[in-house]
């Protein structure tokens, strides 16, 4: 190989190396500037959301004494204890309930943030259905999330819906023991049926609540 060819190759290599070094340094400089700024923005938005949540929660707590002391609730209790009619003023339990509903509807209209707060029914044993969507670029899949939740609360009931890769909840095409799966598409009646199955079945030490994670 002639000297001129070697020099040409060396020059090309030097140029490529220089270009690569410039790209790497530029990337590092951009990363050093952009990442901290992005983290500051995320932190600021997180604090704002946390402040809003704390504000809405405190408002709800402040409203509870007034809602609890309403005359309609006392009327419902008196009517229930007396066979359906309030002995104080002769109002039926159904009428009292309607008055409570009207009052709560007015509160919701004035404070729409209440719509975002879940209501856990006492008559249902204090159980709540939680829907968890783990699609997209989530760091863990639904099965891993369910396993982590079950470690914290072994009584949790879990119902999977389709949307996972098969190997996330199956082994060799078969569901793992204790796993309930509802495939899409499904009707409301199908979902209600599977939730009932989850509540009535006791897989792997589950006894109380149900989480629905599609």
N, C-alpha and C. Protein backbone atom coordinates (compact mmCIF):
# COMPACT_ATOMS: atom_id res chain seq x y z
N UNK A 1 0.86 -1.18 0.00
CA UNK A 1 0.00 0.00 0.00
C UNK A 1 0.89 1.24 0.00
N UNK A 2 0.62 2.14 -0.90
CA UNK A 2 1.46 3.33 -1.02
C UNK A 2 1.24 4.27 0.15
N UNK A 3 2.20 5.12 0.38
CA UNK A 3 2.16 6.07 1.49
C UNK A 3 0.97 7.02 1.37
N UNK A 4 0.68 7.46 0.15
CA UNK A 4 -0.44 8.40 -0.05
C UNK A 4 -1.77 7.74 0.33
N UNK A 5 -1.88 6.45 0.01
CA UNK A 5 -3.12 5.74 0.37
C UNK A 5 -3.25 5.63 1.88
N UNK A 6 -2.12 5.29 2.52
CA UNK A 6 -2.14 5.20 3.97
C UNK A 6 -2.51 6.53 4.62
N UNK A 7 -1.95 7.62 4.07
CA UNK A 7 -2.25 8.94 4.62
C UNK A 7 -3.73 9.28 4.43
N UNK A 8 -4.25 8.89 3.27
CA UNK A 8 -5.67 9.16 3.01
C UNK A 8 -6.56 8.40 3.97
N UNK A 9 -6.23 7.13 4.21
CA UNK A 9 -7.01 6.32 5.15
C UNK A 9 -6.91 6.90 6.56
N UNK A 10 -5.69 7.32 6.91
CA UNK A 10 -5.50 7.90 8.23
C UNK A 10 -6.30 9.19 8.39
N UNK A 11 -6.34 10.00 7.34
CA UNK A 11 -7.11 11.25 7.39
C UNK A 11 -8.61 10.97 7.52
N UNK A 12 -9.08 9.99 6.77
CA UNK A 12 -10.50 9.63 6.86
C UNK A 12 -10.84 9.14 8.27
N UNK A 13 -9.94 8.28 8.80
CA UNK A 13 -10.16 7.79 10.16
C UNK A 13 -10.16 8.90 11.18
N UNK A 14 -9.25 9.85 11.00
CA UNK A 14 -9.17 10.98 11.92
C UNK A 14 -10.44 11.83 11.86
N UNK A 15 -10.92 12.03 10.65
CA UNK A 15 -12.15 12.82 10.48
C UNK A 15 -13.34 12.11 11.14
N UNK A 16 -13.45 10.81 10.92
CA UNK A 16 -14.55 10.06 11.51
C UNK A 16 -14.47 10.07 13.03
N UNK A 17 -13.24 9.90 13.54
CA UNK A 17 -13.06 9.91 14.99
C UNK A 17 -13.43 11.27 15.57
N UNK A 18 -13.02 12.33 14.89
CA UNK A 18 -13.33 13.68 15.35
C UNK A 18 -14.84 13.92 15.34
N UNK A 19 -15.48 13.48 14.25
CA UNK A 19 -16.94 13.66 14.16
C UNK A 19 -17.65 12.89 15.27
N UNK A 20 -17.18 11.66 15.51
CA UNK A 20 -17.79 10.85 16.57
C UNK A 20 -17.59 11.50 17.93
N UNK A 21 -16.40 12.03 18.17
CA UNK A 21 -16.12 12.68 19.44
C UNK A 21 -17.01 13.92 19.63
N UNK A 22 -17.19 14.67 18.53
CA UNK A 22 -18.07 15.85 18.61
C UNK A 22 -19.51 15.44 18.93
N UNK A 23 -19.99 14.37 18.30
CA UNK A 23 -21.35 13.89 18.55
C UNK A 23 -21.51 13.46 20.01
N UNK A 24 -20.53 12.69 20.50
CA UNK A 24 -20.62 12.21 21.88
C UNK A 24 -20.59 13.37 22.86
N UNK A 25 -19.69 14.31 22.67
CA UNK A 25 -19.60 15.45 23.57
C UNK A 25 -20.86 16.31 23.50
N UNK A 26 -21.39 16.48 22.29
CA UNK A 26 -22.62 17.27 22.15
C UNK A 26 -23.78 16.59 22.86
N UNK A 27 -23.86 15.27 22.71
CA UNK A 27 -24.93 14.52 23.38
C UNK A 27 -24.82 14.66 24.90
N UNK A 28 -23.61 14.53 25.42
CA UNK A 28 -23.41 14.64 26.85
C UNK A 28 -23.76 16.04 27.35
N UNK A 29 -23.39 17.06 26.57
CA UNK A 29 -23.71 18.42 26.96
C UNK A 29 -25.22 18.65 26.98
N UNK A 30 -25.88 18.14 25.92
CA UNK A 30 -27.33 18.28 25.86
C UNK A 30 -28.00 17.52 27.00
N UNK A 31 -27.50 16.31 27.28
CA UNK A 31 -28.06 15.52 28.36
C UNK A 31 -27.89 16.22 29.70
N UNK A 32 -26.70 16.83 29.89
CA UNK A 32 -26.44 17.52 31.14
C UNK A 32 -27.34 18.73 31.33
N UNK A 33 -27.79 19.33 30.22
CA UNK A 33 -28.66 20.49 30.32
C UNK A 33 -30.14 20.13 30.30
N UNK A 34 -30.51 19.17 29.44
CA UNK A 34 -31.93 18.87 29.25
C UNK A 34 -32.49 18.03 30.39
N UNK A 35 -31.76 17.00 30.81
CA UNK A 35 -32.28 16.10 31.84
C UNK A 35 -32.61 16.82 33.13
N UNK A 36 -31.70 17.65 33.68
CA UNK A 36 -32.06 18.36 34.91
C UNK A 36 -33.28 19.26 34.73
N UNK A 37 -33.37 19.92 33.57
CA UNK A 37 -34.53 20.78 33.34
C UNK A 37 -35.81 19.96 33.27
N UNK A 38 -35.73 18.82 32.59
CA UNK A 38 -36.91 17.95 32.49
C UNK A 38 -37.33 17.46 33.86
N UNK A 39 -36.36 17.09 34.68
CA UNK A 39 -36.67 16.64 36.03
C UNK A 39 -37.29 17.76 36.86
N UNK A 40 -36.82 18.98 36.67
CA UNK A 40 -37.40 20.11 37.39
C UNK A 40 -38.85 20.32 36.99
N UNK A 41 -39.11 20.19 35.68
CA UNK A 41 -40.49 20.35 35.20
C UNK A 41 -41.39 19.27 35.78
N UNK A 42 -40.90 18.02 35.74
CA UNK A 42 -41.69 16.91 36.29
C UNK A 42 -41.93 17.10 37.78
N UNK A 43 -40.90 17.52 38.50
CA UNK A 43 -41.04 17.74 39.93
C UNK A 43 -42.04 18.84 40.22
N UNK A 44 -41.98 19.92 39.42
CA UNK A 44 -42.92 21.02 39.61
C UNK A 44 -44.35 20.60 39.36
N UNK A 45 -44.58 19.83 38.29
CA UNK A 45 -45.93 19.36 38.00
C UNK A 45 -46.42 18.39 39.07
N UNK A 46 -45.51 17.55 39.56
CA UNK A 46 -45.88 16.60 40.61
C UNK A 46 -46.29 17.32 41.88
N UNK A 47 -45.54 18.35 42.24
CA UNK A 47 -45.88 19.13 43.43
C UNK A 47 -47.22 19.83 43.25
N UNK A 48 -47.47 20.34 42.05
CA UNK A 48 -48.74 21.02 41.78
C UNK A 48 -49.91 20.05 41.92
N UNK A 49 -49.76 18.84 41.34
CA UNK A 49 -50.82 17.84 41.46
C UNK A 49 -51.02 17.42 42.91
N UNK A 50 -49.90 17.26 43.63
CA UNK A 50 -49.99 16.87 45.04
C UNK A 50 -50.71 17.95 45.85
N UNK A 51 -50.43 19.21 45.57
CA UNK A 51 -51.09 20.31 46.27
C UNK A 51 -52.59 20.33 45.97
N UNK A 52 -52.93 20.11 44.69
CA UNK A 52 -54.35 20.08 44.31
C UNK A 52 -55.07 18.92 44.99
N UNK A 53 -54.41 17.77 45.01
CA UNK A 53 -55.01 16.60 45.66
C UNK A 53 -55.22 16.85 47.14
N UNK A 54 -54.22 17.42 47.80
CA UNK A 54 -54.34 17.72 49.23
C UNK A 54 -55.46 18.73 49.48
N UNK A 55 -55.59 19.70 48.58
CA UNK A 55 -56.64 20.70 48.73
C UNK A 55 -58.02 20.08 48.60
N UNK A 56 -58.22 19.24 47.56
CA UNK A 56 -59.51 18.59 47.36
C UNK A 56 -59.84 17.66 48.52
N UNK A 57 -58.81 16.93 48.99
CA UNK A 57 -59.04 16.01 50.10
C UNK A 57 -59.43 16.75 51.37
N UNK A 58 -58.77 17.87 51.65
CA UNK A 58 -59.08 18.64 52.84
C UNK A 58 -60.49 19.22 52.76
N UNK A 59 -60.89 19.64 51.56
CA UNK A 59 -62.25 20.16 51.40
C UNK A 59 -63.28 19.08 51.69
N UNK A 60 -62.99 17.88 51.20
CA UNK A 60 -63.92 16.77 51.45
C UNK A 60 -64.01 16.46 52.93
N UNK A 61 -62.86 16.46 53.61
CA UNK A 61 -62.84 16.21 55.05
C UNK A 61 -63.62 17.29 55.80
N UNK A 62 -63.47 18.53 55.37
CA UNK A 62 -64.18 19.63 56.02
C UNK A 62 -65.69 19.55 55.80
N UNK A 63 -66.09 18.96 54.66
CA UNK A 63 -67.53 18.86 54.35
C UNK A 63 -68.20 17.70 55.08
N UNK A 64 -67.43 16.72 55.53
CA UNK A 64 -68.02 15.53 56.13
C UNK A 64 -68.89 15.81 57.36
N UNK A 65 -68.45 16.64 58.30
CA UNK A 65 -69.31 16.88 59.47
C UNK A 65 -70.68 17.43 59.10
N UNK A 66 -70.69 18.37 58.13
CA UNK A 66 -71.97 18.94 57.73
C UNK A 66 -72.87 17.93 57.04
N UNK A 67 -72.28 17.11 56.17
CA UNK A 67 -73.08 16.09 55.49
C UNK A 67 -73.57 15.04 56.45
N UNK A 68 -72.75 14.71 57.42
CA UNK A 68 -73.13 13.67 58.38
C UNK A 68 -74.23 14.15 59.32
N UNK A 69 -74.28 15.46 59.57
CA UNK A 69 -75.25 16.00 60.51
C UNK A 69 -76.56 16.42 59.85
N UNK A 70 -76.69 16.17 58.55
CA UNK A 70 -77.91 16.60 57.87
C UNK A 70 -79.14 15.90 58.44
N UNK A 71 -80.25 16.62 58.45
CA UNK A 71 -81.48 16.09 59.03
C UNK A 71 -81.99 14.87 58.27
N UNK A 72 -81.71 14.82 56.97
CA UNK A 72 -82.22 13.71 56.16
C UNK A 72 -81.61 12.38 56.60
N UNK A 73 -80.34 12.38 56.97
CA UNK A 73 -79.72 11.13 57.42
C UNK A 73 -80.35 10.64 58.72
N UNK A 74 -80.61 11.56 59.61
CA UNK A 74 -81.28 11.17 60.86
C UNK A 74 -82.68 10.64 60.56
N UNK A 75 -83.35 11.27 59.59
CA UNK A 75 -84.68 10.80 59.22
C UNK A 75 -84.66 9.41 58.64
N UNK A 76 -83.63 9.11 57.85
CA UNK A 76 -83.50 7.76 57.28
C UNK A 76 -83.33 6.72 58.39
N UNK A 77 -82.49 7.05 59.37
CA UNK A 77 -82.26 6.11 60.46
C UNK A 77 -83.53 5.88 61.28
N UNK A 78 -84.26 6.96 61.55
CA UNK A 78 -85.50 6.81 62.32
C UNK A 78 -86.53 6.01 61.54
N UNK A 79 -86.62 6.30 60.22
CA UNK A 79 -87.59 5.58 59.40
C UNK A 79 -87.22 4.11 59.28
N UNK A 80 -85.94 3.80 59.13
CA UNK A 80 -85.50 2.41 59.02
C UNK A 80 -85.81 1.65 60.32
N UNK A 81 -85.59 2.30 61.44
CA UNK A 81 -85.82 1.64 62.72
C UNK A 81 -87.31 1.47 63.02
N UNK A 82 -88.16 2.24 62.33
CA UNK A 82 -89.60 2.20 62.59
C UNK A 82 -90.39 1.54 61.47
N UNK A 83 -89.72 0.76 60.67
CA UNK A 83 -90.43 0.02 59.63
C UNK A 83 -90.67 0.78 58.35
N UNK A 84 -89.95 1.87 58.11
CA UNK A 84 -90.06 2.58 56.84
C UNK A 84 -90.69 3.94 56.92
N UNK A 85 -91.20 4.36 58.08
CA UNK A 85 -91.83 5.67 58.22
C UNK A 85 -91.24 6.36 59.45
N UNK A 86 -90.79 7.61 59.25
CA UNK A 86 -90.22 8.37 60.36
C UNK A 86 -91.33 8.72 61.36
N UNK A 87 -91.21 8.27 62.61
CA UNK A 87 -92.27 8.56 63.59
C UNK A 87 -92.35 10.02 64.01
N UNK A 88 -91.30 10.79 63.71
CA UNK A 88 -91.29 12.20 64.13
C UNK A 88 -92.22 13.04 63.28
N UNK A 89 -92.13 12.90 61.96
CA UNK A 89 -92.95 13.73 61.08
C UNK A 89 -93.70 12.94 60.00
N UNK A 90 -93.64 11.60 60.07
CA UNK A 90 -94.40 10.79 59.15
C UNK A 90 -93.82 10.67 57.75
N UNK A 91 -92.59 11.11 57.53
CA UNK A 91 -91.95 11.02 56.22
C UNK A 91 -91.41 9.61 56.02
N UNK A 92 -91.60 9.07 54.82
CA UNK A 92 -91.12 7.72 54.55
C UNK A 92 -89.61 7.71 54.34
N UNK A 93 -89.04 6.53 54.50
CA UNK A 93 -87.60 6.38 54.28
C UNK A 93 -87.23 6.73 52.84
N UNK A 94 -88.08 6.34 51.90
CA UNK A 94 -87.81 6.63 50.50
C UNK A 94 -87.74 8.13 50.26
N UNK A 95 -88.63 8.90 50.89
CA UNK A 95 -88.61 10.36 50.74
C UNK A 95 -87.34 10.95 51.32
N UNK A 96 -86.96 10.47 52.50
CA UNK A 96 -85.71 10.94 53.10
C UNK A 96 -84.52 10.63 52.20
N UNK A 97 -84.50 9.45 51.64
CA UNK A 97 -83.40 9.08 50.75
C UNK A 97 -83.35 10.00 49.53
N UNK A 98 -84.50 10.35 49.00
CA UNK A 98 -84.54 11.25 47.86
C UNK A 98 -84.01 12.62 48.23
N UNK A 99 -84.32 13.07 49.44
CA UNK A 99 -83.81 14.36 49.88
C UNK A 99 -82.29 14.33 50.02
N UNK A 100 -81.77 13.22 50.55
CA UNK A 100 -80.31 13.08 50.64
C UNK A 100 -79.68 13.07 49.26
N UNK A 101 -80.31 12.35 48.33
CA UNK A 101 -79.77 12.29 46.97
C UNK A 101 -79.75 13.67 46.33
N UNK A 102 -80.82 14.44 46.55
CA UNK A 102 -80.88 15.80 45.98
C UNK A 102 -79.79 16.68 46.59
N UNK A 103 -79.57 16.53 47.88
CA UNK A 103 -78.53 17.33 48.53
C UNK A 103 -77.15 16.97 48.00
N UNK A 104 -76.88 15.67 47.87
CA UNK A 104 -75.58 15.25 47.37
C UNK A 104 -75.39 15.65 45.91
N UNK A 105 -76.47 15.62 45.14
CA UNK A 105 -76.38 16.05 43.74
C UNK A 105 -76.00 17.52 43.66
N UNK A 106 -76.55 18.32 44.58
CA UNK A 106 -76.17 19.73 44.62
C UNK A 106 -74.72 19.93 45.01
N UNK A 107 -74.23 19.12 45.95
CA UNK A 107 -72.82 19.20 46.34
C UNK A 107 -71.91 18.84 45.18
N UNK A 108 -72.28 17.79 44.43
CA UNK A 108 -71.47 17.38 43.29
C UNK A 108 -71.45 18.43 42.20
N UNK A 109 -72.60 19.07 41.99
CA UNK A 109 -72.66 20.11 40.96
C UNK A 109 -71.79 21.30 41.34
N UNK A 110 -71.73 21.61 42.64
CA UNK A 110 -70.93 22.74 43.10
C UNK A 110 -69.45 22.40 43.22
N UNK A 111 -69.17 21.10 43.43
CA UNK A 111 -67.78 20.67 43.63
C UNK A 111 -67.51 19.44 42.76
N UNK A 112 -67.27 19.66 41.47
CA UNK A 112 -67.07 18.53 40.54
C UNK A 112 -65.87 17.66 40.86
N UNK A 113 -64.95 18.15 41.70
CA UNK A 113 -63.78 17.34 42.04
C UNK A 113 -64.19 16.07 42.78
N UNK A 114 -65.40 16.08 43.39
CA UNK A 114 -65.88 14.90 44.10
C UNK A 114 -66.09 13.72 43.15
N UNK A 115 -66.33 14.00 41.88
CA UNK A 115 -66.56 12.92 40.92
C UNK A 115 -65.33 12.02 40.78
N UNK A 116 -64.15 12.55 41.10
CA UNK A 116 -62.92 11.79 40.96
C UNK A 116 -62.64 10.93 42.19
N UNK A 117 -63.46 11.06 43.21
CA UNK A 117 -63.24 10.30 44.45
C UNK A 117 -64.09 9.05 44.43
N UNK A 118 -63.48 7.88 44.63
CA UNK A 118 -64.25 6.64 44.63
C UNK A 118 -65.10 6.52 45.88
N UNK A 119 -66.22 5.83 45.75
CA UNK A 119 -67.11 5.58 46.88
C UNK A 119 -67.11 4.08 47.15
N UNK A 120 -66.76 3.71 48.36
CA UNK A 120 -66.73 2.30 48.75
C UNK A 120 -67.98 2.02 49.57
N UNK A 121 -68.82 1.12 49.09
CA UNK A 121 -70.09 0.86 49.75
C UNK A 121 -69.93 -0.01 50.98
N UNK A 122 -70.57 0.40 52.06
CA UNK A 122 -70.53 -0.38 53.30
C UNK A 122 -71.29 -1.69 53.12
N UNK A 123 -72.40 -1.65 52.36
CA UNK A 123 -73.20 -2.85 52.19
C UNK A 123 -72.48 -3.92 51.38
N UNK A 124 -71.43 -3.54 50.67
CA UNK A 124 -70.66 -4.50 49.88
C UNK A 124 -69.41 -4.97 50.62
N UNK A 125 -69.43 -4.81 51.93
CA UNK A 125 -68.30 -5.28 52.72
C UNK A 125 -67.07 -4.39 52.62
N UNK A 126 -67.25 -3.15 52.16
CA UNK A 126 -66.11 -2.24 52.05
C UNK A 126 -65.17 -2.59 50.92
N UNK A 127 -65.62 -3.36 49.94
CA UNK A 127 -64.77 -3.76 48.83
C UNK A 127 -64.85 -2.75 47.70
N UNK A 128 -63.77 -2.61 46.97
CA UNK A 128 -63.72 -1.67 45.86
C UNK A 128 -63.08 -2.36 44.66
N UNK A 129 -63.62 -2.09 43.47
CA UNK A 129 -63.05 -2.61 42.24
C UNK A 129 -62.09 -1.57 41.67
N UNK A 130 -60.86 -1.95 41.47
CA UNK A 130 -59.83 -1.04 40.97
C UNK A 130 -59.38 -1.51 39.59
N UNK A 131 -59.50 -0.66 38.60
CA UNK A 131 -59.05 -0.98 37.24
C UNK A 131 -57.65 -0.42 37.04
N UNK A 132 -56.72 -1.27 36.65
CA UNK A 132 -55.33 -0.86 36.45
C UNK A 132 -54.94 -1.14 35.01
N UNK A 133 -54.51 -0.11 34.29
CA UNK A 133 -54.12 -0.25 32.90
C UNK A 133 -52.59 -0.19 32.82
N UNK A 134 -51.98 -1.28 32.43
CA UNK A 134 -50.51 -1.34 32.36
C UNK A 134 -50.02 -1.38 30.92
N UNK A 135 -50.77 -0.82 30.00
CA UNK A 135 -50.35 -0.82 28.60
C UNK A 135 -49.28 0.24 28.39
N UNK A 136 -48.69 0.23 27.19
CA UNK A 136 -47.69 1.24 26.86
C UNK A 136 -46.31 0.83 27.33
N UNK A 137 -45.56 1.81 27.85
CA UNK A 137 -44.16 1.58 28.22
C UNK A 137 -44.01 1.43 29.73
N UNK A 138 -44.97 0.81 30.38
CA UNK A 138 -44.89 0.61 31.82
C UNK A 138 -43.69 -0.27 32.15
N UNK A 139 -42.98 0.04 33.26
CA UNK A 139 -41.78 -0.74 33.62
C UNK A 139 -42.08 -2.18 34.00
N UNK A 140 -43.32 -2.47 34.44
CA UNK A 140 -43.69 -3.83 34.79
C UNK A 140 -45.02 -4.15 34.14
N UNK A 141 -45.26 -5.44 33.90
CA UNK A 141 -46.54 -5.83 33.31
C UNK A 141 -47.60 -6.03 34.39
N UNK A 142 -48.81 -6.34 33.95
CA UNK A 142 -49.91 -6.48 34.89
C UNK A 142 -49.72 -7.62 35.88
N UNK A 143 -49.15 -8.71 35.42
CA UNK A 143 -48.94 -9.85 36.32
C UNK A 143 -47.95 -9.50 37.41
N UNK A 144 -46.88 -8.80 37.05
CA UNK A 144 -45.90 -8.40 38.05
C UNK A 144 -46.51 -7.43 39.06
N UNK A 145 -47.36 -6.52 38.57
CA UNK A 145 -48.03 -5.58 39.46
C UNK A 145 -48.96 -6.32 40.42
N UNK A 146 -49.70 -7.30 39.88
CA UNK A 146 -50.60 -8.08 40.72
C UNK A 146 -49.83 -8.86 41.78
N UNK A 147 -48.71 -9.45 41.39
CA UNK A 147 -47.90 -10.20 42.35
C UNK A 147 -47.40 -9.31 43.48
N UNK A 148 -46.97 -8.09 43.10
CA UNK A 148 -46.48 -7.15 44.11
C UNK A 148 -47.61 -6.73 45.05
N UNK A 149 -48.81 -6.51 44.49
CA UNK A 149 -49.95 -6.12 45.31
C UNK A 149 -50.38 -7.25 46.25
N UNK A 150 -50.31 -8.49 45.76
CA UNK A 150 -50.69 -9.63 46.58
C UNK A 150 -49.73 -9.84 47.75
N UNK A 151 -48.47 -9.44 47.57
CA UNK A 151 -47.53 -9.55 48.68
C UNK A 151 -47.91 -8.57 49.79
N UNK A 152 -48.42 -7.40 49.39
CA UNK A 152 -48.83 -6.41 50.39
C UNK A 152 -50.17 -6.77 51.02
N UNK A 153 -51.07 -7.35 50.19
CA UNK A 153 -52.40 -7.72 50.69
C UNK A 153 -52.80 -9.06 50.10
N UNK A 154 -52.49 -10.14 50.78
CA UNK A 154 -52.78 -11.48 50.24
C UNK A 154 -54.25 -11.73 49.97
N UNK A 155 -55.16 -10.96 50.60
CA UNK A 155 -56.59 -11.19 50.41
C UNK A 155 -57.12 -10.57 49.12
N UNK A 156 -56.26 -9.90 48.37
CA UNK A 156 -56.69 -9.23 47.14
C UNK A 156 -57.16 -10.24 46.10
N UNK A 157 -58.24 -9.90 45.40
CA UNK A 157 -58.73 -10.70 44.28
C UNK A 157 -58.30 -10.02 42.97
N UNK A 158 -57.82 -10.78 42.02
CA UNK A 158 -57.30 -10.22 40.77
C UNK A 158 -58.00 -10.86 39.59
N UNK A 159 -58.46 -10.02 38.67
CA UNK A 159 -59.05 -10.47 37.42
C UNK A 159 -58.30 -9.83 36.26
N UNK A 160 -57.65 -10.64 35.44
CA UNK A 160 -56.94 -10.13 34.27
C UNK A 160 -57.89 -10.08 33.09
N UNK A 161 -57.66 -9.11 32.19
CA UNK A 161 -58.32 -9.13 30.89
C UNK A 161 -57.24 -9.22 29.83
N UNK A 162 -57.64 -9.58 28.61
CA UNK A 162 -56.65 -9.77 27.56
C UNK A 162 -55.97 -8.45 27.25
N UNK A 163 -54.79 -8.54 26.70
CA UNK A 163 -53.97 -7.38 26.44
C UNK A 163 -52.54 -7.64 26.85
N UNK A 164 -52.33 -8.75 27.53
CA UNK A 164 -50.99 -9.17 27.92
C UNK A 164 -50.47 -10.19 26.92
N UNK A 165 -49.17 -10.30 26.90
CA UNK A 165 -48.60 -11.43 26.17
C UNK A 165 -48.96 -12.70 26.91
N UNK A 166 -49.15 -13.78 26.20
CA UNK A 166 -49.63 -15.01 26.82
C UNK A 166 -48.70 -15.51 27.91
N UNK A 167 -47.38 -15.35 27.70
CA UNK A 167 -46.47 -15.89 28.69
C UNK A 167 -46.46 -15.09 29.99
N UNK A 168 -47.14 -13.92 30.00
CA UNK A 168 -47.20 -13.13 31.23
C UNK A 168 -48.11 -13.77 32.26
N UNK A 169 -49.12 -14.51 31.81
CA UNK A 169 -50.05 -15.11 32.75
C UNK A 169 -50.30 -16.58 32.48
N UNK A 170 -49.65 -17.13 31.44
CA UNK A 170 -49.83 -18.54 31.14
C UNK A 170 -48.48 -19.24 31.05
N UNK A 171 -48.51 -20.54 31.18
CA UNK A 171 -47.34 -21.38 30.97
C UNK A 171 -47.73 -22.46 29.99
N UNK A 172 -47.09 -22.47 28.84
CA UNK A 172 -47.36 -23.47 27.81
C UNK A 172 -48.83 -23.46 27.40
N UNK A 173 -49.38 -22.23 27.29
CA UNK A 173 -50.76 -22.09 26.82
C UNK A 173 -51.81 -22.32 27.88
N UNK A 174 -51.43 -22.60 29.13
CA UNK A 174 -52.38 -22.84 30.19
C UNK A 174 -52.26 -21.75 31.26
N UNK A 175 -53.41 -21.37 31.82
CA UNK A 175 -53.40 -20.36 32.88
C UNK A 175 -52.71 -20.91 34.12
N UNK A 176 -51.98 -20.04 34.79
CA UNK A 176 -51.37 -20.43 36.06
C UNK A 176 -52.48 -20.71 37.08
N UNK A 177 -52.22 -21.55 38.06
CA UNK A 177 -53.23 -21.85 39.08
C UNK A 177 -53.70 -20.58 39.79
N UNK A 178 -55.00 -20.43 39.94
CA UNK A 178 -55.55 -19.29 40.66
C UNK A 178 -55.70 -18.03 39.84
N UNK A 179 -55.37 -18.06 38.53
CA UNK A 179 -55.45 -16.88 37.69
C UNK A 179 -56.78 -16.86 36.95
N UNK A 180 -57.47 -15.73 37.00
CA UNK A 180 -58.73 -15.54 36.27
C UNK A 180 -58.48 -14.60 35.10
N UNK A 181 -58.96 -14.98 33.92
CA UNK A 181 -58.72 -14.20 32.71
C UNK A 181 -60.02 -14.01 31.95
N UNK A 182 -60.29 -12.76 31.56
CA UNK A 182 -61.44 -12.41 30.73
C UNK A 182 -60.91 -11.86 29.41
N UNK A 183 -61.19 -12.54 28.31
CA UNK A 183 -60.64 -12.14 27.03
C UNK A 183 -61.50 -11.08 26.36
N UNK A 184 -60.86 -10.19 25.64
CA UNK A 184 -61.56 -9.14 24.90
C UNK A 184 -61.92 -9.64 23.50
N UNK A 185 -62.99 -9.10 22.91
CA UNK A 185 -63.96 -8.17 23.51
C UNK A 185 -64.92 -8.90 24.43
N UNK A 186 -65.46 -8.17 25.40
CA UNK A 186 -66.42 -8.78 26.32
C UNK A 186 -67.55 -7.79 26.59
N UNK A 187 -68.67 -8.32 27.02
CA UNK A 187 -69.83 -7.50 27.35
C UNK A 187 -69.83 -7.19 28.84
N UNK A 188 -70.66 -6.23 29.22
CA UNK A 188 -70.75 -5.88 30.64
C UNK A 188 -71.19 -7.07 31.47
N UNK A 189 -72.09 -7.84 30.91
CA UNK A 189 -72.56 -9.03 31.64
C UNK A 189 -71.42 -10.02 31.87
N UNK A 190 -70.51 -10.13 30.88
CA UNK A 190 -69.35 -11.02 31.04
C UNK A 190 -68.43 -10.51 32.15
N UNK A 191 -68.22 -9.19 32.17
CA UNK A 191 -67.36 -8.60 33.20
C UNK A 191 -67.98 -8.79 34.58
N UNK A 192 -69.30 -8.56 34.68
CA UNK A 192 -69.98 -8.73 35.97
C UNK A 192 -69.89 -10.18 36.44
N UNK A 193 -70.04 -11.10 35.50
CA UNK A 193 -69.97 -12.52 35.86
C UNK A 193 -68.59 -12.89 36.37
N UNK A 194 -67.54 -12.42 35.70
CA UNK A 194 -66.18 -12.76 36.10
C UNK A 194 -65.80 -12.09 37.42
N UNK A 195 -66.31 -10.88 37.65
CA UNK A 195 -66.06 -10.23 38.93
C UNK A 195 -66.70 -11.03 40.06
N UNK A 196 -67.92 -11.52 39.80
CA UNK A 196 -68.58 -12.35 40.80
C UNK A 196 -67.79 -13.63 41.05
N UNK A 197 -67.26 -14.22 39.98
CA UNK A 197 -66.44 -15.43 40.14
C UNK A 197 -65.21 -15.12 40.99
N UNK A 198 -64.58 -13.96 40.71
CA UNK A 198 -63.40 -13.57 41.47
C UNK A 198 -63.72 -13.37 42.95
N UNK A 199 -64.90 -12.79 43.22
CA UNK A 199 -65.28 -12.54 44.61
C UNK A 199 -65.61 -13.83 45.34
N UNK A 200 -66.18 -14.78 44.61
CA UNK A 200 -66.62 -16.02 45.26
C UNK A 200 -65.55 -17.10 45.28
N UNK A 201 -64.48 -16.89 44.48
CA UNK A 201 -63.40 -17.87 44.43
C UNK A 201 -62.28 -17.42 45.36
N UNK A 202 -61.59 -18.36 45.93
CA UNK A 202 -60.50 -18.02 46.85
C UNK A 202 -59.19 -18.58 46.33
N UNK A 203 -58.63 -17.99 45.25
CA UNK A 203 -57.35 -18.48 44.75
C UNK A 203 -56.18 -17.92 45.55
N UNK A 204 -55.31 -18.81 45.95
CA UNK A 204 -54.03 -18.43 46.57
C UNK A 204 -54.22 -17.49 47.76
N UNK A 205 -55.15 -17.84 48.65
CA UNK A 205 -55.30 -17.08 49.89
C UNK A 205 -56.07 -15.80 49.76
N UNK A 206 -56.83 -15.60 48.66
CA UNK A 206 -57.60 -14.37 48.52
C UNK A 206 -58.93 -14.52 49.21
N UNK A 207 -59.40 -13.39 49.83
CA UNK A 207 -60.66 -13.44 50.55
C UNK A 207 -61.50 -12.18 50.42
N UNK A 208 -60.92 -11.01 50.18
CA UNK A 208 -61.71 -9.80 50.33
C UNK A 208 -61.94 -9.02 49.05
N UNK A 209 -60.97 -8.19 48.62
CA UNK A 209 -61.24 -7.22 47.58
C UNK A 209 -60.86 -7.72 46.21
N UNK A 210 -61.27 -6.97 45.19
CA UNK A 210 -61.05 -7.38 43.81
C UNK A 210 -60.35 -6.27 43.06
N UNK A 211 -59.33 -6.61 42.27
CA UNK A 211 -58.68 -5.62 41.41
C UNK A 211 -58.85 -6.08 39.98
N UNK A 212 -59.32 -5.20 39.13
CA UNK A 212 -59.51 -5.51 37.71
C UNK A 212 -58.42 -4.84 36.95
N UNK A 213 -57.51 -5.59 36.32
CA UNK A 213 -56.34 -5.01 35.66
C UNK A 213 -56.31 -5.39 34.21
N UNK A 214 -56.90 -4.62 33.28
CA UNK A 214 -56.89 -4.96 31.86
C UNK A 214 -55.59 -4.61 31.19
